[in-house]
């Protein structure tokens, strides 16, 4: 785990990453989780099911906590689902980018 002011960077380690992310979210930090490189293709398939063959698989998707169960549907990322309740309660935004799969949980903007 590495930290910068307001940012906590984690490498995906399943439940330990979920626990560390929840703690960081309680503190109001942005959380960046580097997901395994091998999940890139599966994430694309799950989040873009109707994509034409040959479509470039680099993407960025943003939304709310409702994205977390979709991400958790990928084998090896099932524990991501356990971040949804905290993300909803704390009003976090969710973003996922590839080709280096990174999950970003951002706190609400302060006025």
PDB file of N, CA and C in Angstrom:
ATOM      1  N   UNK A   1       0.852  -1.175   0.000  1.00  0.00           N
ATOM      2  CA  UNK A   1       0.000   0.000   0.000  1.00  0.00           C
ATOM      3  C   UNK A   1       0.891   1.230   0.000  1.00  0.00           C
ATOM      4  N   UNK A   2       0.565   2.192  -0.857  1.00  0.00           N
ATOM      5  CA  UNK A   2       1.283   3.463  -0.821  1.00  0.00           C
ATOM      6  C   UNK A   2       0.261   4.572  -0.614  1.00  0.00           C
ATOM      7  N   UNK A   3       0.719   5.649  -0.035  1.00  0.00           N
ATOM      8  CA  UNK A   3      -0.207   6.759   0.222  1.00  0.00           C
ATOM      9  C   UNK A   3       0.405   8.078  -0.202  1.00  0.00           C
ATOM     10  N   UNK A   4      -0.413   8.937  -0.709  1.00  0.00           N
ATOM     11  CA  UNK A   4      -0.124  10.341  -0.953  1.00  0.00           C
ATOM     12  C   UNK A   4      -1.225  11.056  -0.196  1.00  0.00           C
ATOM     13  N   UNK A   5      -1.084  12.333   0.054  1.00  0.00           N
ATOM     14  CA  UNK A   5      -2.167  13.010   0.771  1.00  0.00           C
ATOM     15  C   UNK A   5      -3.508  12.795   0.072  1.00  0.00           C
ATOM     16  N   UNK A   6      -4.427  12.153   0.772  1.00  0.00           N
ATOM     17  CA  UNK A   6      -5.762  11.952   0.233  1.00  0.00           C
ATOM     18  C   UNK A   6      -5.908  10.816  -0.757  1.00  0.00           C
ATOM     19  N   UNK A   7      -4.801  10.100  -1.056  1.00  0.00           N
ATOM     20  CA  UNK A   7      -4.865   8.990  -2.016  1.00  0.00           C
ATOM     21  C   UNK A   7      -4.226   7.752  -1.387  1.00  0.00           C
ATOM     22  N   UNK A   8      -4.926   6.629  -1.487  1.00  0.00           N
ATOM     23  CA  UNK A   8      -4.377   5.362  -1.032  1.00  0.00           C
ATOM     24  C   UNK A   8      -4.293   4.446  -2.255  1.00  0.00           C
ATOM     25  N   UNK A   9      -3.095   3.954  -2.550  1.00  0.00           N
ATOM     26  CA  UNK A   9      -2.880   3.074  -3.699  1.00  0.00           C
ATOM     27  C   UNK A   9      -2.644   1.655  -3.194  1.00  0.00           C
ATOM     28  N   UNK A  10      -3.394   0.724  -3.756  1.00  0.00           N
ATOM     29  CA  UNK A  10      -3.324  -0.673  -3.345  1.00  0.00           C
ATOM     30  C   UNK A  10      -3.136  -1.573  -4.565  1.00  0.00           C
ATOM     31  N   UNK A  11      -2.485  -2.691  -4.350  1.00  0.00           N
ATOM     32  CA  UNK A  11      -2.464  -3.753  -5.352  1.00  0.00           C
ATOM     33  C   UNK A  11      -3.525  -4.760  -4.920  1.00  0.00           C
ATOM     34  N   UNK A  12      -4.263  -5.324  -5.868  1.00  0.00           N
ATOM     35  CA  UNK A  12      -5.364  -6.222  -5.553  1.00  0.00           C
ATOM     36  C   UNK A  12      -4.860  -7.478  -4.856  1.00  0.00           C
ATOM     37  N   UNK A  13      -5.363  -7.683  -3.639  1.00  0.00           N
ATOM     38  CA  UNK A  13      -5.066  -8.880  -2.858  1.00  0.00           C
ATOM     39  C   UNK A  13      -6.348  -9.423  -2.252  1.00  0.00           C
ATOM     40  N   UNK A  14      -7.445  -9.268  -2.945  1.00  0.00           N
ATOM     41  CA  UNK A  14      -8.741  -9.771  -2.526  1.00  0.00           C
ATOM     42  C   UNK A  14      -9.179  -9.134  -1.211  1.00  0.00           C
ATOM     43  N   UNK A  15      -9.515  -9.923  -0.212  1.00  0.00           N
ATOM     44  CA  UNK A  15     -10.081  -9.406   1.030  1.00  0.00           C
ATOM     45  C   UNK A  15      -9.183  -8.382   1.735  1.00  0.00           C
ATOM     46  N   UNK A  16      -7.855  -8.575   1.808  1.00  0.00           N
ATOM     47  CA  UNK A  16      -7.030  -7.530   2.431  1.00  0.00           C
ATOM     48  C   UNK A  16      -7.159  -6.173   1.718  1.00  0.00           C
ATOM     49  N   UNK A  17      -7.298  -6.190   0.406  1.00  0.00           N
ATOM     50  CA  UNK A  17      -7.477  -4.937  -0.336  1.00  0.00           C
ATOM     51  C   UNK A  17      -8.820  -4.306  -0.011  1.00  0.00           C
ATOM     52  N   UNK A  18      -9.849  -5.124   0.110  1.00  0.00           N
ATOM     53  CA  UNK A  18     -11.180  -4.618   0.447  1.00  0.00           C
ATOM     54  C   UNK A  18     -11.148  -3.972   1.828  1.00  0.00           C
ATOM     55  N   UNK A  19     -10.518  -4.623   2.774  1.00  0.00           N
ATOM     56  CA  UNK A  19     -10.451  -4.081   4.130  1.00  0.00           C
ATOM     57  C   UNK A  19      -9.681  -2.762   4.164  1.00  0.00           C
ATOM     58  N   UNK A  20      -8.550  -2.706   3.470  1.00  0.00           N
ATOM     59  CA  UNK A  20      -7.758  -1.473   3.428  1.00  0.00           C
ATOM     60  C   UNK A  20      -8.525  -0.358   2.712  1.00  0.00           C
ATOM     61  N   UNK A  21      -9.225  -0.706   1.657  1.00  0.00           N
ATOM     62  CA  UNK A  21     -10.005   0.292   0.917  1.00  0.00           C
ATOM     63  C   UNK A  21     -11.120   0.855   1.791  1.00  0.00           C
ATOM     64  N   UNK A  22     -11.805  -0.002   2.521  1.00  0.00           N
ATOM     65  CA  UNK A  22     -12.875   0.482   3.411  1.00  0.00           C
ATOM     66  C   UNK A  22     -12.338   1.461   4.448  1.00  0.00           C
ATOM     67  N   UNK A  23     -11.189   1.147   5.026  1.00  0.00           N
ATOM     68  CA  UNK A  23     -10.584   2.046   6.023  1.00  0.00           C
ATOM     69  C   UNK A  23     -10.243   3.393   5.389  1.00  0.00           C
ATOM     70  N   UNK A  24      -9.667   3.360   4.214  1.00  0.00           N
ATOM     71  CA  UNK A  24      -9.312   4.595   3.524  1.00  0.00           C
ATOM     72  C   UNK A  24     -10.558   5.406   3.181  1.00  0.00           C
ATOM     73  N   UNK A  25     -11.623   4.723   2.773  1.00  0.00           N
ATOM     74  CA  UNK A  25     -12.873   5.416   2.440  1.00  0.00           C
ATOM     75  C   UNK A  25     -13.467   6.076   3.685  1.00  0.00           C
ATOM     76  N   UNK A  26     -13.407   5.399   4.818  1.00  0.00           N
ATOM     77  CA  UNK A  26     -13.903   5.994   6.067  1.00  0.00           C
ATOM     78  C   UNK A  26     -13.155   7.277   6.394  1.00  0.00           C
ATOM     79  N   UNK A  27     -11.869   7.337   6.009  1.00  0.00           N
ATOM     80  CA  UNK A  27     -11.043   8.517   6.248  1.00  0.00           C
ATOM     81  C   UNK A  27     -11.232   9.580   5.167  1.00  0.00           C
ATOM     82  N   UNK A  28     -12.047   9.278   4.165  1.00  0.00           N
ATOM     83  CA  UNK A  28     -12.315  10.241   3.099  1.00  0.00           C
ATOM     84  C   UNK A  28     -11.288  10.287   1.995  1.00  0.00           C
ATOM     85  N   UNK A  29     -10.440   9.271   1.904  1.00  0.00           N
ATOM     86  CA  UNK A  29      -9.393   9.241   0.880  1.00  0.00           C
ATOM     87  C   UNK A  29      -9.913   8.681  -0.436  1.00  0.00           C
ATOM     88  N   UNK A  30      -9.238   9.069  -1.508  1.00  0.00           N
ATOM     89  CA  UNK A  30      -9.456   8.412  -2.795  1.00  0.00           C
ATOM     90  C   UNK A  30      -8.683   7.092  -2.740  1.00  0.00           C
ATOM     91  N   UNK A  31      -9.259   6.040  -3.312  1.00  0.00           N
ATOM     92  CA  UNK A  31      -8.623   4.724  -3.310  1.00  0.00           C
ATOM     93  C   UNK A  31      -8.370   4.309  -4.753  1.00  0.00           C
ATOM     94  N   UNK A  32      -7.126   3.908  -5.040  1.00  0.00           N
ATOM     95  CA  UNK A  32      -6.749   3.403  -6.369  1.00  0.00           C
ATOM     96  C   UNK A  32      -6.263   1.972  -6.196  1.00  0.00           C
ATOM     97  N   UNK A  33      -6.983   1.039  -6.803  1.00  0.00           N
ATOM     98  CA  UNK A  33      -6.617  -0.374  -6.683  1.00  0.00           C
ATOM     99  C   UNK A  33      -6.167  -0.882  -8.048  1.00  0.00           C
ATOM    100  N   UNK A  34      -4.911  -1.307  -8.118  1.00  0.00           N
ATOM    101  CA  UNK A  34      -4.386  -1.917  -9.344  1.00  0.00           C
ATOM    102  C   UNK A  34      -4.872  -3.356  -9.380  1.00  0.00           C
ATOM    103  N   UNK A  35      -5.674  -3.663 -10.388  1.00  0.00           N
ATOM    104  CA  UNK A  35      -6.223  -5.009 -10.535  1.00  0.00           C
ATOM    105  C   UNK A  35      -5.260  -5.868 -11.342  1.00  0.00           C
ATOM    106  N   UNK A  36      -5.354  -7.183 -11.236  1.00  0.00           N
ATOM    107  CA  UNK A  36      -4.451  -8.056 -11.988  1.00  0.00           C
ATOM    108  C   UNK A  36      -4.561  -7.822 -13.503  1.00  0.00           C
ATOM    109  N   UNK A  37      -3.422  -7.789 -14.157  1.00  0.00           N
ATOM    110  CA  UNK A  37      -3.390  -7.560 -15.605  1.00  0.00           C
ATOM    111  C   UNK A  37      -4.240  -8.587 -16.344  1.00  0.00           C
ATOM    112  N   UNK A  38      -4.283  -9.801 -15.843  1.00  0.00           N
ATOM    113  CA  UNK A  38      -5.045 -10.866 -16.490  1.00  0.00           C
ATOM    114  C   UNK A  38      -6.549 -10.656 -16.491  1.00  0.00           C
ATOM    115  N   UNK A  39      -7.043  -9.660 -15.778  1.00  0.00           N
ATOM    116  CA  UNK A  39      -8.486  -9.404 -15.744  1.00  0.00           C
ATOM    117  C   UNK A  39      -8.944  -8.444 -16.838  1.00  0.00           C
ATOM    118  N   UNK A  40      -8.007  -7.847 -17.539  1.00  0.00           N
ATOM    119  CA  UNK A  40      -8.328  -6.829 -18.550  1.00  0.00           C
ATOM    120  C   UNK A  40      -9.373  -7.309 -19.564  1.00  0.00           C
ATOM    121  N   UNK A  41      -9.120  -8.426 -20.211  1.00  0.00           N
ATOM    122  CA  UNK A  41     -10.030  -8.926 -21.243  1.00  0.00           C
ATOM    123  C   UNK A  41     -11.396  -9.287 -20.659  1.00  0.00           C
ATOM    124  N   UNK A  42     -11.413  -9.954 -19.514  1.00  0.00           N
ATOM    125  CA  UNK A  42     -12.678 -10.348 -18.882  1.00  0.00           C
ATOM    126  C   UNK A  42     -13.487  -9.116 -18.469  1.00  0.00           C
ATOM    127  N   UNK A  43     -12.823  -8.100 -17.955  1.00  0.00           N
ATOM    128  CA  UNK A  43     -13.531  -6.861 -17.596  1.00  0.00           C
ATOM    129  C   UNK A  43     -14.183  -6.248 -18.830  1.00  0.00           C
ATOM    130  N   UNK A  44     -13.434  -6.206 -19.928  1.00  0.00           N
ATOM    131  CA  UNK A  44     -14.000  -5.657 -21.164  1.00  0.00           C
ATOM    132  C   UNK A  44     -15.224  -6.454 -21.583  1.00  0.00           C
ATOM    133  N   UNK A  45     -15.131  -7.771 -21.572  1.00  0.00           N
ATOM    134  CA  UNK A  45     -16.249  -8.624 -21.981  1.00  0.00           C
ATOM    135  C   UNK A  45     -17.475  -8.433 -21.089  1.00  0.00           C
ATOM    136  N   UNK A  46     -17.273  -8.318 -19.786  1.00  0.00           N
ATOM    137  CA  UNK A  46     -18.399  -8.151 -18.862  1.00  0.00           C
ATOM    138  C   UNK A  46     -19.035  -6.770 -18.946  1.00  0.00           C
ATOM    139  N   UNK A  47     -18.236  -5.752 -19.201  1.00  0.00           N
ATOM    140  CA  UNK A  47     -18.758  -4.385 -19.208  1.00  0.00           C
ATOM    141  C   UNK A  47     -19.181  -3.903 -20.592  1.00  0.00           C
ATOM    142  N   UNK A  48     -18.767  -4.624 -21.626  1.00  0.00           N
ATOM    143  CA  UNK A  48     -19.134  -4.286 -23.005  1.00  0.00           C
ATOM    144  C   UNK A  48     -19.569  -5.553 -23.739  1.00  0.00           C
ATOM    145  N   UNK A  49     -20.631  -6.213 -23.281  1.00  0.00           N
ATOM    146  CA  UNK A  49     -20.999  -7.524 -23.828  1.00  0.00           C
ATOM    147  C   UNK A  49     -21.355  -7.530 -25.311  1.00  0.00           C
ATOM    148  N   UNK A  50     -21.811  -6.433 -25.854  1.00  0.00           N
ATOM    149  CA  UNK A  50     -22.203  -6.411 -27.256  1.00  0.00           C
ATOM    150  C   UNK A  50     -21.142  -5.869 -28.191  1.00  0.00           C
ATOM    151  N   UNK A  51     -19.928  -5.668 -27.694  1.00  0.00           N
ATOM    152  CA  UNK A  51     -18.876  -5.075 -28.520  1.00  0.00           C
ATOM    153  C   UNK A  51     -18.520  -5.973 -29.700  1.00  0.00           C
ATOM    154  N   UNK A  52     -18.311  -5.350 -30.837  1.00  0.00           N
ATOM    155  CA  UNK A  52     -17.935  -6.088 -32.042  1.00  0.00           C
ATOM    156  C   UNK A  52     -16.525  -6.650 -31.891  1.00  0.00           C
ATOM    157  N   UNK A  53     -16.309  -7.801 -32.525  1.00  0.00           N
ATOM    158  CA  UNK A  53     -14.970  -8.384 -32.530  1.00  0.00           C
ATOM    159  C   UNK A  53     -13.991  -7.381 -33.099  1.00  0.00           C
ATOM    160  N   UNK A  54     -12.815  -7.331 -32.513  1.00  0.00           N
ATOM    161  CA  UNK A  54     -11.788  -6.426 -33.004  1.00  0.00           C
ATOM    162  C   UNK A  54     -11.872  -5.025 -32.412  1.00  0.00           C
ATOM    163  N   UNK A  55     -12.896  -4.771 -31.593  1.00  0.00           N
ATOM    164  CA  UNK A  55     -13.019  -3.471 -30.938  1.00  0.00           C
ATOM    165  C   UNK A  55     -11.854  -3.301 -29.967  1.00  0.00           C
ATOM    166  N   UNK A  56     -11.168  -2.148 -29.996  1.00  0.00           N
ATOM    167  CA  UNK A  56     -10.089  -1.938 -29.023  1.00  0.00           C
ATOM    168  C   UNK A  56     -10.625  -2.103 -27.597  1.00  0.00           C
ATOM    169  N   UNK A  57      -9.868  -2.792 -26.772  1.00  0.00           N
ATOM    170  CA  UNK A  57     -10.337  -3.121 -25.438  1.00  0.00           C
ATOM    171  C   UNK A  57      -9.886  -2.140 -24.364  1.00  0.00           C
ATOM    172  N   UNK A  58      -9.342  -0.997 -24.737  1.00  0.00           N
ATOM    173  CA  UNK A  58      -9.014   0.031 -23.761  1.00  0.00           C
ATOM    174  C   UNK A  58     -10.273   0.827 -23.500  1.00  0.00           C
ATOM    175  N   UNK A  59     -10.573   1.073 -22.234  1.00  0.00           N
ATOM    176  CA  UNK A  59     -11.779   1.834 -21.922  1.00  0.00           C
ATOM    177  C   UNK A  59     -11.674   2.474 -20.557  1.00  0.00           C
ATOM    178  N   UNK A  60     -12.530   3.451 -20.337  1.00  0.00           N
ATOM    179  CA  UNK A  60     -12.740   4.074 -19.040  1.00  0.00           C
ATOM    180  C   UNK A  60     -14.236   4.116 -18.830  1.00  0.00           C
ATOM    181  N   UNK A  61     -14.652   3.741 -17.640  1.00  0.00           N
ATOM    182  CA  UNK A  61     -16.070   3.768 -17.314  1.00  0.00           C
ATOM    183  C   UNK A  61     -16.195   4.389 -15.926  1.00  0.00           C
ATOM    184  N   UNK A  62     -17.182   5.261 -15.767  1.00  0.00           N
ATOM    185  CA  UNK A  62     -17.401   5.923 -14.493  1.00  0.00           C
ATOM    186  C   UNK A  62     -18.859   5.802 -14.107  1.00  0.00           C
ATOM    187  N   UNK A  63     -19.094   5.791 -12.820  1.00  0.00           N
ATOM    188  CA  UNK A  63     -20.458   5.726 -12.324  1.00  0.00           C
ATOM    189  C   UNK A  63     -20.470   5.707 -10.816  1.00  0.00           C
ATOM    190  N   UNK A  64     -21.486   5.089 -10.294  1.00  0.00           N
ATOM    191  CA  UNK A  64     -21.628   4.986  -8.854  1.00  0.00           C
ATOM    192  C   UNK A  64     -21.344   3.573  -8.381  1.00  0.00           C
ATOM    193  N   UNK A  65     -21.716   3.292  -7.149  1.00  0.00           N
ATOM    194  CA  UNK A  65     -21.474   1.973  -6.564  1.00  0.00           C
ATOM    195  C   UNK A  65     -22.116   0.819  -7.332  1.00  0.00           C
ATOM    196  N   UNK A  66     -23.090   1.112  -8.190  1.00  0.00           N
ATOM    197  CA  UNK A  66     -23.731   0.046  -8.970  1.00  0.00           C
ATOM    198  C   UNK A  66     -22.747  -0.643  -9.921  1.00  0.00           C
ATOM    199  N   UNK A  67     -21.609  -0.009 -10.215  1.00  0.00           N
ATOM    200  CA  UNK A  67     -20.601  -0.647 -11.076  1.00  0.00           C
ATOM    201  C   UNK A  67     -19.851  -1.772 -10.359  1.00  0.00           C
ATOM    202  N   UNK A  68     -19.778  -1.696  -9.052  1.00  0.00           N
ATOM    203  CA  UNK A  68     -18.960  -2.671  -8.315  1.00  0.00           C
ATOM    204  C   UNK A  68     -19.425  -4.116  -8.486  1.00  0.00           C
ATOM    205  N   UNK A  69     -20.725  -4.426  -8.401  1.00  0.00           N
ATOM    206  CA  UNK A  69     -21.132  -5.817  -8.647  1.00  0.00           C
ATOM    207  C   UNK A  69     -20.815  -6.291 -10.072  1.00  0.00           C
ATOM    208  N   UNK A  70     -20.867  -5.385 -11.035  1.00  0.00           N
ATOM    209  CA  UNK A  70     -20.521  -5.767 -12.413  1.00  0.00           C
ATOM    210  C   UNK A  70     -19.044  -6.121 -12.507  1.00  0.00           C
ATOM    211  N   UNK A  71     -18.204  -5.334 -11.847  1.00  0.00           N
ATOM    212  CA  UNK A  71     -16.769  -5.618 -11.829  1.00  0.00           C
ATOM    213  C   UNK A  71     -16.518  -6.933 -11.081  1.00  0.00           C
ATOM    214  N   UNK A  72     -17.259  -7.140  -9.997  1.00  0.00           N
ATOM    215  CA  UNK A  72     -17.096  -8.341  -9.171  1.00  0.00           C
ATOM    216  C   UNK A  72     -17.545  -9.612  -9.876  1.00  0.00           C
ATOM    217  N   UNK A  73     -18.205  -9.487 -11.013  1.00  0.00           N
ATOM    218  CA  UNK A  73     -18.634 -10.678 -11.748  1.00  0.00           C
ATOM    219  C   UNK A  73     -17.474 -11.345 -12.490  1.00  0.00           C
ATOM    220  N   UNK A  74     -16.314 -10.705 -12.489  1.00  0.00           N
ATOM    221  CA  UNK A  74     -15.123 -11.273 -13.130  1.00  0.00           C
ATOM    222  C   UNK A  74     -14.419 -12.194 -12.134  1.00  0.00           C
ATOM    223  N   UNK A  75     -14.066 -13.375 -12.590  1.00  0.00           N
ATOM    224  CA  UNK A  75     -13.371 -14.344 -11.728  1.00  0.00           C
ATOM    225  C   UNK A  75     -12.126 -13.722 -11.125  1.00  0.00           C
ATOM    226  N   UNK A  76     -11.987 -13.898  -9.817  1.00  0.00           N
ATOM    227  CA  UNK A  76     -10.844 -13.355  -9.100  1.00  0.00           C
ATOM    228  C   UNK A  76     -11.110 -11.995  -8.484  1.00  0.00           C
ATOM    229  N   UNK A  77     -12.202 -11.349  -8.896  1.00  0.00           N
ATOM    230  CA  UNK A  77     -12.531 -10.022  -8.372  1.00  0.00           C
ATOM    231  C   UNK A  77     -13.820 -10.029  -7.556  1.00  0.00           C
ATOM    232  N   UNK A  78     -14.287 -11.201  -7.181  1.00  0.00           N
ATOM    233  CA  UNK A  78     -15.573 -11.317  -6.493  1.00  0.00           C
ATOM    234  C   UNK A  78     -15.654 -10.467  -5.226  1.00  0.00           C
ATOM    235  N   UNK A  79     -14.555 -10.310  -4.509  1.00  0.00           N
ATOM    236  CA  UNK A  79     -14.556  -9.551  -3.259  1.00  0.00           C
ATOM    237  C   UNK A  79     -14.826  -8.056  -3.476  1.00  0.00           C
ATOM    238  N   UNK A  80     -14.679  -7.562  -4.696  1.00  0.00           N
ATOM    239  CA  UNK A  80     -14.969  -6.150  -5.000  1.00  0.00           C
ATOM    240  C   UNK A  80     -16.396  -5.815  -4.572  1.00  0.00           C
ATOM    241  N   UNK A  81     -17.286  -6.781  -4.668  1.00  0.00           N
ATOM    242  CA  UNK A  81     -18.688  -6.579  -4.294  1.00  0.00           C
ATOM    243  C   UNK A  81     -18.815  -6.051  -2.865  1.00  0.00           C
ATOM    244  N   UNK A  82     -17.877  -6.418  -2.005  1.00  0.00           N
ATOM    245  CA  UNK A  82     -17.933  -6.021  -0.598  1.00  0.00           C
ATOM    246  C   UNK A  82     -17.620  -4.550  -0.370  1.00  0.00           C
ATOM    247  N   UNK A  83     -17.262  -3.828  -1.416  1.00  0.00           N
ATOM    248  CA  UNK A  83     -17.036  -2.385  -1.304  1.00  0.00           C
ATOM    249  C   UNK A  83     -18.300  -1.577  -1.581  1.00  0.00           C
ATOM    250  N   UNK A  84     -19.324  -2.228  -2.123  1.00  0.00           N
ATOM    251  CA  UNK A  84     -20.520  -1.508  -2.579  1.00  0.00           C
ATOM    252  C   UNK A  84     -21.258  -0.804  -1.446  1.00  0.00           C
ATOM    253  N   UNK A  85     -21.447  -1.455  -0.315  1.00  0.00           N
ATOM    254  CA  UNK A  85     -22.209  -0.833   0.781  1.00  0.00           C
ATOM    255  C   UNK A  85     -21.507   0.425   1.288  1.00  0.00           C
ATOM    256  N   UNK A  86     -20.193   0.347   1.490  1.00  0.00           N
ATOM    257  CA  UNK A  86     -19.439   1.522   1.954  1.00  0.00           C
ATOM    258  C   UNK A  86     -19.468   2.628   0.903  1.00  0.00           C
ATOM    259  N   UNK A  87     -19.335   2.261  -0.354  1.00  0.00           N
ATOM    260  CA  UNK A  87     -19.360   3.266  -1.427  1.00  0.00           C
ATOM    261  C   UNK A  87     -20.716   3.971  -1.475  1.00  0.00           C
ATOM    262  N   UNK A  88     -21.801   3.227  -1.295  1.00  0.00           N
ATOM    263  CA  UNK A  88     -23.139   3.841  -1.275  1.00  0.00           C
ATOM    264  C   UNK A  88     -23.294   4.757  -0.057  1.00  0.00           C
ATOM    265  N   UNK A  89     -22.950   4.237   1.099  1.00  0.00           N
ATOM    266  CA  UNK A  89     -23.128   4.981   2.346  1.00  0.00           C
ATOM    267  C   UNK A  89     -22.313   6.281   2.341  1.00  0.00           C
ATOM    268  N   UNK A  90     -21.100   6.232   1.774  1.00  0.00           N
ATOM    269  CA  UNK A  90     -20.201   7.385   1.793  1.00  0.00           C
ATOM    270  C   UNK A  90     -20.271   8.217   0.507  1.00  0.00           C
ATOM    271  N   UNK A  91     -21.176   7.839  -0.407  1.00  0.00           N
ATOM    272  CA  UNK A  91     -21.415   8.578  -1.654  1.00  0.00           C
ATOM    273  C   UNK A  91     -20.176   8.646  -2.552  1.00  0.00           C
ATOM    274  N   UNK A  92     -19.448   7.544  -2.615  1.00  0.00           N
ATOM    275  CA  UNK A  92     -18.260   7.478  -3.462  1.00  0.00           C
ATOM    276  C   UNK A  92     -18.637   7.254  -4.918  1.00  0.00           C
ATOM    277  N   UNK A  93     -17.813   7.779  -5.817  1.00  0.00           N
ATOM    278  CA  UNK A  93     -17.912   7.524  -7.253  1.00  0.00           C
ATOM    279  C   UNK A  93     -16.952   6.399  -7.589  1.00  0.00           C
ATOM    280  N   UNK A  94     -17.252   5.673  -8.642  1.00  0.00           N
ATOM    281  CA  UNK A  94     -16.455   4.515  -9.050  1.00  0.00           C
ATOM    282  C   UNK A  94     -15.998   4.726 -10.493  1.00  0.00           C
ATOM    283  N   UNK A  95     -14.730   4.436 -10.746  1.00  0.00           N
ATOM    284  CA  UNK A  95     -14.198   4.496 -12.109  1.00  0.00           C
ATOM    285  C   UNK A  95     -13.312   3.281 -12.332  1.00  0.00           C
ATOM    286  N   UNK A  96     -13.313   2.804 -13.546  1.00  0.00           N
ATOM    287  CA  UNK A  96     -12.463   1.682 -13.934  1.00  0.00           C
ATOM    288  C   UNK A  96     -11.827   2.041 -15.263  1.00  0.00           C
ATOM    289  N   UNK A  97     -10.510   1.875 -15.346  1.00  0.00           N
ATOM    290  CA  UNK A  97      -9.826   2.143 -16.608  1.00  0.00           C
ATOM    291  C   UNK A  97      -8.917   0.967 -16.944  1.00  0.00           C
ATOM    292  N   UNK A  98      -8.694   0.793 -18.226  1.00  0.00           N
ATOM    293  CA  UNK A  98      -7.786  -0.229 -18.730  1.00  0.00           C
ATOM    294  C   UNK A  98      -6.977   0.411 -19.858  1.00  0.00           C
ATOM    295  N   UNK A  99      -5.905  -0.138 -20.364  1.00  0.00           N
ATOM    296  CA  UNK A  99      -5.536  -1.544 -20.334  1.00  0.00           C
ATOM    297  C   UNK A  99      -4.826  -1.987 -19.054  1.00  0.00           C
ATOM    298  N   UNK A 100      -4.306  -1.084 -18.247  1.00  0.00           N
ATOM    299  CA  UNK A 100      -3.767  -1.476 -16.941  1.00  0.00           C
ATOM    300  C   UNK A 100      -4.925  -1.332 -15.967  1.00  0.00           C
ATOM    301  N   UNK A 101      -5.651  -2.416 -15.702  1.00  0.00           N
ATOM    302  CA  UNK A 101      -6.906  -2.301 -14.960  1.00  0.00           C
ATOM    303  C   UNK A 101      -6.715  -1.635 -13.594  1.00  0.00           C
ATOM    304  N   UNK A 102      -7.381  -0.498 -13.441  1.00  0.00           N
ATOM    305  CA  UNK A 102      -7.304   0.266 -12.197  1.00  0.00           C
ATOM    306  C   UNK A 102      -8.709   0.662 -11.784  1.00  0.00           C
ATOM    307  N   UNK A 103      -9.050   0.318 -10.561  1.00  0.00           N
ATOM    308  CA  UNK A 103     -10.331   0.681  -9.965  1.00  0.00           C
ATOM    309  C   UNK A 103     -10.077   1.886  -9.069  1.00  0.00           C
ATOM    310  N   UNK A 104     -10.832   2.960  -9.287  1.00  0.00           N
ATOM    311  CA  UNK A 104     -10.672   4.184  -8.506  1.00  0.00           C
ATOM    312  C   UNK A 104     -11.992   4.477  -7.801  1.00  0.00           C
ATOM    313  N   UNK A 105     -11.902   4.653  -6.494  1.00  0.00           N
ATOM    314  CA  UNK A 105     -13.054   5.013  -5.662  1.00  0.00           C
ATOM    315  C   UNK A 105     -12.786   6.420  -5.159  1.00  0.00           C
ATOM    316  N   UNK A 106     -13.641   7.360  -5.567  1.00  0.00           N
ATOM    317  CA  UNK A 106     -13.433   8.769  -5.234  1.00  0.00           C
ATOM    318  C   UNK A 106     -14.505   9.308  -4.307  1.00  0.00           C
ATOM    319  N   UNK A 107     -14.086  10.043  -3.286  1.00  0.00           N
ATOM    320  CA  UNK A 107     -15.076  10.618  -2.377  1.00  0.00           C
ATOM    321  C   UNK A 107     -15.867  11.708  -3.080  1.00  0.00           C
ATOM    322  N   UNK A 108     -17.005  12.090  -2.508  1.00  0.00           N
ATOM    323  CA  UNK A 108     -17.795  13.156  -3.128  1.00  0.00           C
ATOM    324  C   UNK A 108     -16.994  14.460  -3.153  1.00  0.00           C
ATOM    325  N   UNK A 109     -17.262  15.261  -4.162  1.00  0.00           N
ATOM    326  CA  UNK A 109     -16.621  16.564  -4.282  1.00  0.00           C
ATOM    327  C   UNK A 109     -17.102  17.460  -3.133  1.00  0.00           C
ATOM    328  N   UNK A 110     -16.176  18.156  -2.557  1.00  0.00           N
ATOM    329  CA  UNK A 110     -16.563  19.111  -1.501  1.00  0.00           C
ATOM    330  C   UNK A 110     -16.821  20.455  -2.144  1.00  0.00           C
ATOM    331  N   UNK A 111     -17.904  21.149  -1.710  1.00  0.00           N
ATOM    332  CA  UNK A 111     -18.218  22.461  -2.309  1.00  0.00           C
ATOM    333  C   UNK A 111     -17.178  23.507  -1.988  1.00  0.00           C
TER     334      UNK A 111
END
